[in-house]
Each structure stands twice: as structure tokens, then as C-alpha cells.
Amino acid sequence: MEQEFDVEIKEVLSRVQKVKAESLDDAINKAMDMYYAEQIVLGAEDMKGVDFAPISESQLPSSLKENGGKTRRFISSLFSTT
């Protein structure tokens, strides 16, 4: 009989953005402002990986318990076009 499980799927998006500024703090603040103003929008081309994990420890399969509870990870190199 099938059971129902809660599996968290977490995508990681990342991009390096060049920002002109007088200091690193200023550059970070400008990047944050641009991001929250939706002038920088991360998309599929910024995909770096994805993790799959059970929500509760009691749902961990024995294979993950033996591996220290590490989740499966799909790494960005599979998406890389360069």
C-alpha cells in the first residue's frame, strides 16, 4: 500500500552581477535595491542545483540514515552551457 510523504524540493538560483559603486557595502546595497525592485530577476539560466529532502527525520529512508542524512543533490554542472 502506498503512503504519502512530504518531500521538500529546494532550487538554488545564483548569478554574479557587476555593480558600479564607491565601496563593496554600497555595491551590495545597490544590488539588493535592484533585486527587490525587480530590476534583477533570476531565472532558469541561473539554476545552480536542486535538493530533495524529507520534511521529517522519521521519513528518512535507511539509505540516507546510513549516509548521515545527506539528501540527493543535482549539481549545476548538468545545466551548464559553457
PDB file of N, CA and C in Angstrom:
ATOM      1  N   MET A   1       0.839  -1.185   0.000  1.00  0.00           N
ATOM      2  CA  MET A   1       0.000   0.000   0.000  1.00  0.00           C
ATOM      3  C   MET A   1       0.882   1.246   0.000  1.00  0.00           C
ATOM      4  N   GLU A   2       0.583   2.169  -0.875  1.00  0.00           N
ATOM      5  CA  GLU A   2       1.366   3.403  -0.954  1.00  0.00           C
ATOM      6  C   GLU A   2       1.078   4.304   0.238  1.00  0.00           C
ATOM      7  N   GLN A   3       2.112   5.046   0.623  1.00  0.00           N
ATOM      8  CA  GLN A   3       1.990   6.028   1.697  1.00  0.00           C
ATOM      9  C   GLN A   3       2.213   7.404   1.107  1.00  0.00           C
ATOM     10  N   GLU A   4       1.882   8.426   1.856  1.00  0.00           N
ATOM     11  CA  GLU A   4       2.116   9.799   1.422  1.00  0.00           C
ATOM     12  C   GLU A   4       3.273  10.382   2.222  1.00  0.00           C
ATOM     13  N   PHE A   5       4.199  11.040   1.541  1.00  0.00           N
ATOM     14  CA  PHE A   5       5.373  11.631   2.174  1.00  0.00           C
ATOM     15  C   PHE A   5       5.481  13.096   1.791  1.00  0.00           C
ATOM     16  N   ASP A   6       6.021  13.884   2.692  1.00  0.00           N
ATOM     17  CA  ASP A   6       6.298  15.295   2.422  1.00  0.00           C
ATOM     18  C   ASP A   6       7.763  15.415   2.020  1.00  0.00           C
ATOM     19  N   VAL A   7       8.009  15.817   0.780  1.00  0.00           N
ATOM     20  CA  VAL A   7       9.370  15.970   0.271  1.00  0.00           C
ATOM     21  C   VAL A   7       9.571  17.434  -0.111  1.00  0.00           C
ATOM     22  N   GLU A   8      10.587  18.051   0.498  1.00  0.00           N
ATOM     23  CA  GLU A   8      10.921  19.431   0.173  1.00  0.00           C
ATOM     24  C   GLU A   8      11.796  19.442  -1.080  1.00  0.00           C
ATOM     25  N   ILE A   9      11.433  20.287  -2.031  1.00  0.00           N
ATOM     26  CA  ILE A   9      12.230  20.482  -3.247  1.00  0.00           C
ATOM     27  C   ILE A   9      12.732  21.915  -3.212  1.00  0.00           C
ATOM     28  N   LYS A  10      14.048  22.075  -3.138  1.00  0.00           N
ATOM     29  CA  LYS A  10      14.645  23.404  -2.998  1.00  0.00           C
ATOM     30  C   LYS A  10      15.570  23.672  -4.177  1.00  0.00           C
ATOM     31  N   GLU A  11      15.242  24.706  -4.965  1.00  0.00           N
ATOM     32  CA  GLU A  11      16.086  25.100  -6.083  1.00  0.00           C
ATOM     33  C   GLU A  11      17.052  26.200  -5.635  1.00  0.00           C
ATOM     34  N   VAL A  12      18.243  26.150  -6.200  1.00  0.00           N
ATOM     35  CA  VAL A  12      19.245  27.168  -5.905  1.00  0.00           C
ATOM     36  C   VAL A  12      19.504  27.960  -7.190  1.00  0.00           C
ATOM     37  N   LEU A  13      19.222  29.268  -7.129  1.00  0.00           N
ATOM     38  CA  LEU A  13      19.488  30.173  -8.246  1.00  0.00           C
ATOM     39  C   LEU A  13      20.582  31.144  -7.825  1.00  0.00           C
ATOM     40  N   SER A  14      21.498  31.429  -8.727  1.00  0.00           N
ATOM     41  CA  SER A  14      22.611  32.310  -8.382  1.00  0.00           C
ATOM     42  C   SER A  14      23.145  32.986  -9.641  1.00  0.00           C
ATOM     43  N   ARG A  15      23.578  34.243  -9.481  1.00  0.00           N
ATOM     44  CA  ARG A  15      24.169  34.998 -10.590  1.00  0.00           C
ATOM     45  C   ARG A  15      25.178  35.983 -10.016  1.00  0.00           C
ATOM     46  N   VAL A  16      26.260  36.206 -10.733  1.00  0.00           N
ATOM     47  CA  VAL A  16      27.209  37.259 -10.384  1.00  0.00           C
ATOM     48  C   VAL A  16      26.817  38.480 -11.199  1.00  0.00           C
ATOM     49  N   GLN A  17      26.550  39.584 -10.511  1.00  0.00           N
ATOM     50  CA  GLN A  17      26.099  40.819 -11.160  1.00  0.00           C
ATOM     51  C   GLN A  17      27.158  41.897 -10.964  1.00  0.00           C
ATOM     52  N   LYS A  18      27.610  42.527 -12.039  1.00  0.00           N
ATOM     53  CA  LYS A  18      28.543  43.642 -11.909  1.00  0.00           C
ATOM     54  C   LYS A  18      27.759  44.880 -11.487  1.00  0.00           C
ATOM     55  N   VAL A  19      28.265  45.575 -10.451  1.00  0.00           N
ATOM     56  CA  VAL A  19      27.596  46.765  -9.918  1.00  0.00           C
ATOM     57  C   VAL A  19      28.649  47.847  -9.725  1.00  0.00           C
ATOM     58  N   LYS A  20      28.434  49.014 -10.306  1.00  0.00           N
ATOM     59  CA  LYS A  20      29.353  50.138 -10.106  1.00  0.00           C
ATOM     60  C   LYS A  20      28.984  50.847  -8.807  1.00  0.00           C
ATOM     61  N   ALA A  21      30.000  51.028  -7.951  1.00  0.00           N
ATOM     62  CA  ALA A  21      29.770  51.662  -6.651  1.00  0.00           C
ATOM     63  C   ALA A  21      31.093  52.156  -6.096  1.00  0.00           C
ATOM     64  N   GLU A  22      31.013  52.980  -5.048  1.00  0.00           N
ATOM     65  CA  GLU A  22      32.223  53.520  -4.426  1.00  0.00           C
ATOM     66  C   GLU A  22      32.827  52.581  -3.398  1.00  0.00           C
ATOM     67  N   SER A  23      32.057  51.604  -2.905  1.00  0.00           N
ATOM     68  CA  SER A  23      32.573  50.652  -1.928  1.00  0.00           C
ATOM     69  C   SER A  23      31.813  49.337  -2.076  1.00  0.00           C
ATOM     70  N   LEU A  24      32.340  48.285  -1.478  1.00  0.00           N
ATOM     71  CA  LEU A  24      31.675  46.994  -1.511  1.00  0.00           C
ATOM     72  C   LEU A  24      30.311  47.071  -0.831  1.00  0.00           C
ATOM     73  N   ASP A  25      30.241  47.752   0.322  1.00  0.00           N
ATOM     74  CA  ASP A  25      28.955  47.909   1.016  1.00  0.00           C
ATOM     75  C   ASP A  25      27.930  48.598   0.116  1.00  0.00           C
ATOM     76  N   ASP A  26      28.371  49.642  -0.570  1.00  0.00           N
ATOM     77  CA  ASP A  26      27.489  50.368  -1.478  1.00  0.00           C
ATOM     78  C   ASP A  26      27.038  49.467  -2.629  1.00  0.00           C
ATOM     79  N   ALA A  27      27.953  48.654  -3.155  1.00  0.00           N
ATOM     80  CA  ALA A  27      27.624  47.742  -4.254  1.00  0.00           C
ATOM     81  C   ALA A  27      26.586  46.709  -3.801  1.00  0.00           C
ATOM     82  N   ILE A  28      26.766  46.159  -2.606  1.00  0.00           N
ATOM     83  CA  ILE A  28      25.811  45.181  -2.089  1.00  0.00           C
ATOM     84  C   ILE A  28      24.444  45.833  -1.885  1.00  0.00           C
ATOM     85  N   ASN A  29      24.436  47.038  -1.325  1.00  0.00           N
ATOM     86  CA  ASN A  29      23.160  47.747  -1.131  1.00  0.00           C
ATOM     87  C   ASN A  29      22.478  48.037  -2.463  1.00  0.00           C
ATOM     88  N   LYS A  30      23.267  48.443  -3.464  1.00  0.00           N
ATOM     89  CA  LYS A  30      22.690  48.703  -4.787  1.00  0.00           C
ATOM     90  C   LYS A  30      22.124  47.420  -5.398  1.00  0.00           C
ATOM     91  N   ALA A  31      22.868  46.329  -5.267  1.00  0.00           N
ATOM     92  CA  ALA A  31      22.397  45.046  -5.800  1.00  0.00           C
ATOM     93  C   ALA A  31      21.107  44.618  -5.104  1.00  0.00           C
ATOM     94  N   MET A  32      21.045  44.802  -3.793  1.00  0.00           N
ATOM     95  CA  MET A  32      19.824  44.456  -3.053  1.00  0.00           C
ATOM     96  C   MET A  32      18.653  45.325  -3.511  1.00  0.00           C
ATOM     97  N   ASP A  33      18.904  46.621  -3.661  1.00  0.00           N
ATOM     98  CA  ASP A  33      17.846  47.529  -4.130  1.00  0.00           C
ATOM     99  C   ASP A  33      17.351  47.110  -5.511  1.00  0.00           C
ATOM    100  N   MET A  34      18.290  46.785  -6.408  1.00  0.00           N
ATOM    101  CA  MET A  34      17.913  46.375  -7.761  1.00  0.00           C
ATOM    102  C   MET A  34      17.125  45.061  -7.728  1.00  0.00           C
ATOM    103  N   TYR A  35      17.541  44.144  -6.875  1.00  0.00           N
ATOM    104  CA  TYR A  35      16.854  42.858  -6.768  1.00  0.00           C
ATOM    105  C   TYR A  35      15.418  43.048  -6.265  1.00  0.00           C
ATOM    106  N   TYR A  36      15.262  43.796  -5.173  1.00  0.00           N
ATOM    107  CA  TYR A  36      13.932  43.982  -4.588  1.00  0.00           C
ATOM    108  C   TYR A  36      13.030  44.877  -5.443  1.00  0.00           C
ATOM    109  N   ALA A  37      13.629  45.677  -6.320  1.00  0.00           N
ATOM    110  CA  ALA A  37      12.852  46.484  -7.267  1.00  0.00           C
ATOM    111  C   ALA A  37      12.578  45.694  -8.558  1.00  0.00           C
ATOM    112  N   GLU A  38      12.974  44.430  -8.550  1.00  0.00           N
ATOM    113  CA  GLU A  38      12.787  43.516  -9.687  1.00  0.00           C
ATOM    114  C   GLU A  38      13.514  43.974 -10.945  1.00  0.00           C
ATOM    115  N   GLN A  39      14.621  44.703 -10.762  1.00  0.00           N
ATOM    116  CA  GLN A  39      15.480  45.049 -11.890  1.00  0.00           C
ATOM    117  C   GLN A  39      16.451  43.902 -12.184  1.00  0.00           C
ATOM    118  N   ILE A  40      16.663  43.051 -11.184  1.00  0.00           N
ATOM    119  CA  ILE A  40      17.419  41.809 -11.342  1.00  0.00           C
ATOM    120  C   ILE A  40      16.442  40.691 -11.005  1.00  0.00           C
ATOM    121  N   VAL A  41      16.181  39.826 -11.976  1.00  0.00           N
ATOM    122  CA  VAL A  41      15.273  38.701 -11.753  1.00  0.00           C
ATOM    123  C   VAL A  41      16.006  37.429 -12.168  1.00  0.00           C
ATOM    124  N   LEU A  42      16.189  36.529 -11.217  1.00  0.00           N
ATOM    125  CA  LEU A  42      16.856  35.273 -11.512  1.00  0.00           C
ATOM    126  C   LEU A  42      15.883  34.315 -12.177  1.00  0.00           C
ATOM    127  N   GLY A  43      16.392  33.575 -13.160  1.00  0.00           N
ATOM    128  CA  GLY A  43      15.537  32.653 -13.899  1.00  0.00           C
ATOM    129  C   GLY A  43      16.223  31.320 -14.129  1.00  0.00           C
ATOM    130  N   ALA A  44      15.670  30.540 -15.027  1.00  0.00           N
ATOM    131  CA  ALA A  44      16.157  29.185 -15.301  1.00  0.00           C
ATOM    132  C   ALA A  44      17.642  29.164 -15.677  1.00  0.00           C
ATOM    133  N   GLU A  45      18.111  30.189 -16.364  1.00  0.00           N
ATOM    134  CA  GLU A  45      19.525  30.228 -16.770  1.00  0.00           C
ATOM    135  C   GLU A  45      20.465  30.414 -15.573  1.00  0.00           C
ATOM    136  N   ASP A  46      19.902  30.793 -14.417  1.00  0.00           N
ATOM    137  CA  ASP A  46      20.690  30.993 -13.200  1.00  0.00           C
ATOM    138  C   ASP A  46      20.643  29.775 -12.273  1.00  0.00           C
ATOM    139  N   MET A  47      20.049  28.675 -12.740  1.00  0.00           N
ATOM    140  CA  MET A  47      19.897  27.467 -11.935  1.00  0.00           C
ATOM    141  C   MET A  47      21.251  26.868 -11.601  1.00  0.00           C
ATOM    142  N   LYS A  48      21.493  26.660 -10.321  1.00  0.00           N
ATOM    143  CA  LYS A  48      22.763  26.081  -9.872  1.00  0.00           C
ATOM    144  C   LYS A  48      22.598  24.687  -9.304  1.00  0.00           C
ATOM    145  N   GLY A  49      21.391  24.323  -8.903  1.00  0.00           N
ATOM    146  CA  GLY A  49      21.186  22.985  -8.363  1.00  0.00           C
ATOM    147  C   GLY A  49      19.820  22.848  -7.738  1.00  0.00           C
ATOM    148  N   VAL A  50      19.543  21.621  -7.301  1.00  0.00           N
ATOM    149  CA  VAL A  50      18.276  21.350  -6.639  1.00  0.00           C
ATOM    150  C   VAL A  50      18.510  20.267  -5.591  1.00  0.00           C
ATOM    151  N   ASP A  51      17.865  20.408  -4.439  1.00  0.00           N
ATOM    152  CA  ASP A  51      17.954  19.434  -3.357  1.00  0.00           C
ATOM    153  C   ASP A  51      16.579  18.826  -3.120  1.00  0.00           C
ATOM    154  N   PHE A  52      16.559  17.547  -2.767  1.00  0.00           N
ATOM    155  CA  PHE A  52      15.333  16.854  -2.399  1.00  0.00           C
ATOM    156  C   PHE A  52      15.541  16.294  -0.997  1.00  0.00           C
ATOM    157  N   ALA A  53      14.631  16.598  -0.081  1.00  0.00           N
ATOM    158  CA  ALA A  53      14.795  16.139   1.297  1.00  0.00           C
ATOM    159  C   ALA A  53      13.440  15.865   1.932  1.00  0.00           C
ATOM    160  N   PRO A  54      13.386  14.824   2.765  1.00  0.00           N
ATOM    161  CA  PRO A  54      12.156  14.594   3.517  1.00  0.00           C
ATOM    162  C   PRO A  54      11.987  15.695   4.553  1.00  0.00           C
ATOM    163  N   ILE A  55      10.750  16.007   4.875  1.00  0.00           N
ATOM    164  CA  ILE A  55      10.476  17.060   5.847  1.00  0.00           C
ATOM    165  C   ILE A  55      10.796  16.613   7.271  1.00  0.00           C
ATOM    166  N   SER A  56      10.514  15.374   7.602  1.00  0.00           N
ATOM    167  CA  SER A  56      10.777  14.920   8.976  1.00  0.00           C
ATOM    168  C   SER A  56      11.837  13.830   8.981  1.00  0.00           C
ATOM    169  N   GLU A  57      12.614  13.789  10.058  1.00  0.00           N
ATOM    170  CA  GLU A  57      13.671  12.787  10.202  1.00  0.00           C
ATOM    171  C   GLU A  57      13.094  11.375  10.190  1.00  0.00           C
ATOM    172  N   SER A  58      11.875  11.212  10.697  1.00  0.00           N
ATOM    173  CA  SER A  58      11.275   9.875  10.740  1.00  0.00           C
ATOM    174  C   SER A  58      11.000   9.351   9.335  1.00  0.00           C
ATOM    175  N   GLN A  59      10.943  10.245   8.348  1.00  0.00           N
ATOM    176  CA  GLN A  59      10.689   9.830   6.972  1.00  0.00           C
ATOM    177  C   GLN A  59      11.968   9.498   6.207  1.00  0.00           C
ATOM    178  N   LEU A  60      13.137   9.682   6.834  1.00  0.00           N
ATOM    179  CA  LEU A  60      14.388   9.392   6.134  1.00  0.00           C
ATOM    180  C   LEU A  60      14.461   7.913   5.782  1.00  0.00           C
ATOM    181  N   PRO A  61      14.726   7.590   4.510  1.00  0.00           N
ATOM    182  CA  PRO A  61      14.922   6.180   4.165  1.00  0.00           C
ATOM    183  C   PRO A  61      16.227   5.677   4.770  1.00  0.00           C
ATOM    184  N   SER A  62      16.337   4.381   4.956  1.00  0.00           N
ATOM    185  CA  SER A  62      17.526   3.813   5.595  1.00  0.00           C
ATOM    186  C   SER A  62      18.795   4.172   4.834  1.00  0.00           C
ATOM    187  N   SER A  63      18.732   4.294   3.517  1.00  0.00           N
ATOM    188  CA  SER A  63      19.923   4.637   2.727  1.00  0.00           C
ATOM    189  C   SER A  63      20.457   6.017   3.103  1.00  0.00           C
ATOM    190  N   LEU A  64      19.566   6.954   3.445  1.00  0.00           N
ATOM    191  CA  LEU A  64      20.015   8.287   3.851  1.00  0.00           C
ATOM    192  C   LEU A  64      20.474   8.290   5.308  1.00  0.00           C
ATOM    193  N   LYS A  65      19.843   7.481   6.156  1.00  0.00           N
ATOM    194  CA  LYS A  65      20.268   7.396   7.558  1.00  0.00           C
ATOM    195  C   LYS A  65      21.700   6.889   7.628  1.00  0.00           C
ATOM    196  N   GLU A  66      22.040   5.925   6.772  1.00  0.00           N
ATOM    197  CA  GLU A  66      23.398   5.381   6.732  1.00  0.00           C
ATOM    198  C   GLU A  66      24.393   6.390   6.180  1.00  0.00           C
ATOM    199  N   ASN A  67      23.917   7.341   5.400  1.00  0.00           N
ATOM    200  CA  ASN A  67      24.769   8.352   4.776  1.00  0.00           C
ATOM    201  C   ASN A  67      24.769   9.644   5.584  1.00  0.00           C
ATOM    202  N   GLY A  68      24.424   9.586   6.844  1.00  0.00           N
ATOM    203  CA  GLY A  68      24.428  10.768   7.694  1.00  0.00           C
ATOM    204  C   GLY A  68      23.285  11.718   7.412  1.00  0.00           C
ATOM    205  N   GLY A  69      22.232  11.258   6.751  1.00  0.00           N
ATOM    206  CA  GLY A  69      21.073  12.099   6.485  1.00  0.00           C
ATOM    207  C   GLY A  69      21.243  13.049   5.309  1.00  0.00           C
ATOM    208  N   LYS A  70      22.292  12.835   4.523  1.00  0.00           N
ATOM    209  CA  LYS A  70      22.517  13.734   3.378  1.00  0.00           C
ATOM    210  C   LYS A  70      21.473  13.488   2.314  1.00  0.00           C
ATOM    211  N   THR A  71      20.997  14.573   1.727  1.00  0.00           N
ATOM    212  CA  THR A  71      19.979  14.488   0.690  1.00  0.00           C
ATOM    213  C   THR A  71      20.630  14.320  -0.670  1.00  0.00           C
ATOM    214  N   ARG A  72      19.823  13.948  -1.631  1.00  0.00           N
ATOM    215  CA  ARG A  72      20.312  13.885  -3.007  1.00  0.00           C
ATOM    216  C   ARG A  72      20.426  15.300  -3.546  1.00  0.00           C
ATOM    217  N   ARG A  73      21.472  15.547  -4.295  1.00  0.00           N
ATOM    218  CA  ARG A  73      21.683  16.889  -4.844  1.00  0.00           C
ATOM    219  C   ARG A  73      21.972  16.784  -6.331  1.00  0.00           C
ATOM    220  N   PHE A  74      21.300  17.628  -7.092  1.00  0.00           N
ATOM    221  CA  PHE A  74      21.512  17.716  -8.535  1.00  0.00           C
ATOM    222  C   PHE A  74      22.346  18.956  -8.765  1.00  0.00           C
ATOM    223  N   ILE A  75      23.553  18.798  -9.255  1.00  0.00           N
ATOM    224  CA  ILE A  75      24.536  19.878  -9.323  1.00  0.00           C
ATOM    225  C   ILE A  75      24.417  20.670 -10.624  1.00  0.00           C
ATOM    226  N   SER A  76      24.805  21.937 -10.529  1.00  0.00           N
ATOM    227  CA  SER A  76      24.639  22.881 -11.633  1.00  0.00           C
ATOM    228  C   SER A  76      25.404  22.495 -12.893  1.00  0.00           C
ATOM    229  N   SER A  77      26.479  21.757 -12.783  1.00  0.00           N
ATOM    230  CA  SER A  77      27.259  21.432 -13.982  1.00  0.00           C
ATOM    231  C   SER A  77      26.406  20.710 -15.011  1.00  0.00           C
ATOM    232  N   LEU A  78      25.348  20.071 -14.568  1.00  0.00           N
ATOM    233  CA  LEU A  78      24.460  19.415 -15.509  1.00  0.00           C
ATOM    234  C   LEU A  78      23.672  20.413 -16.330  1.00  0.00           C
ATOM    235  N   PHE A  79      23.538  21.653 -15.818  1.00  0.00           N
ATOM    236  CA  PHE A  79      22.805  22.694 -16.525  1.00  0.00           C
ATOM    237  C   PHE A  79      23.733  23.601 -17.320  1.00  0.00           C
ATOM    238  N   SER A  80      25.020  23.529 -17.044  1.00  0.00           N
ATOM    239  CA  SER A  80      25.983  24.458 -17.618  1.00  0.00           C
ATOM    240  C   SER A  80      26.046  24.342 -19.133  1.00  0.00           C
ATOM    241  N   THR A  81      26.060  25.493 -19.789  1.00  0.00           N
ATOM    242  CA  THR A  81      26.180  25.509 -21.260  1.00  0.00           C
ATOM    243  C   THR A  81      27.554  25.983 -21.697  1.00  0.00           C
ATOM    244  N   THR A  82      28.424  26.311 -20.723  1.00  0.00           N
ATOM    245  CA  THR A  82      29.764  26.784 -21.078  1.00  0.00           C
ATOM    246  C   THR A  82      30.774  25.696 -20.918  1.00  0.00           C
TER     247      THR A  82
END
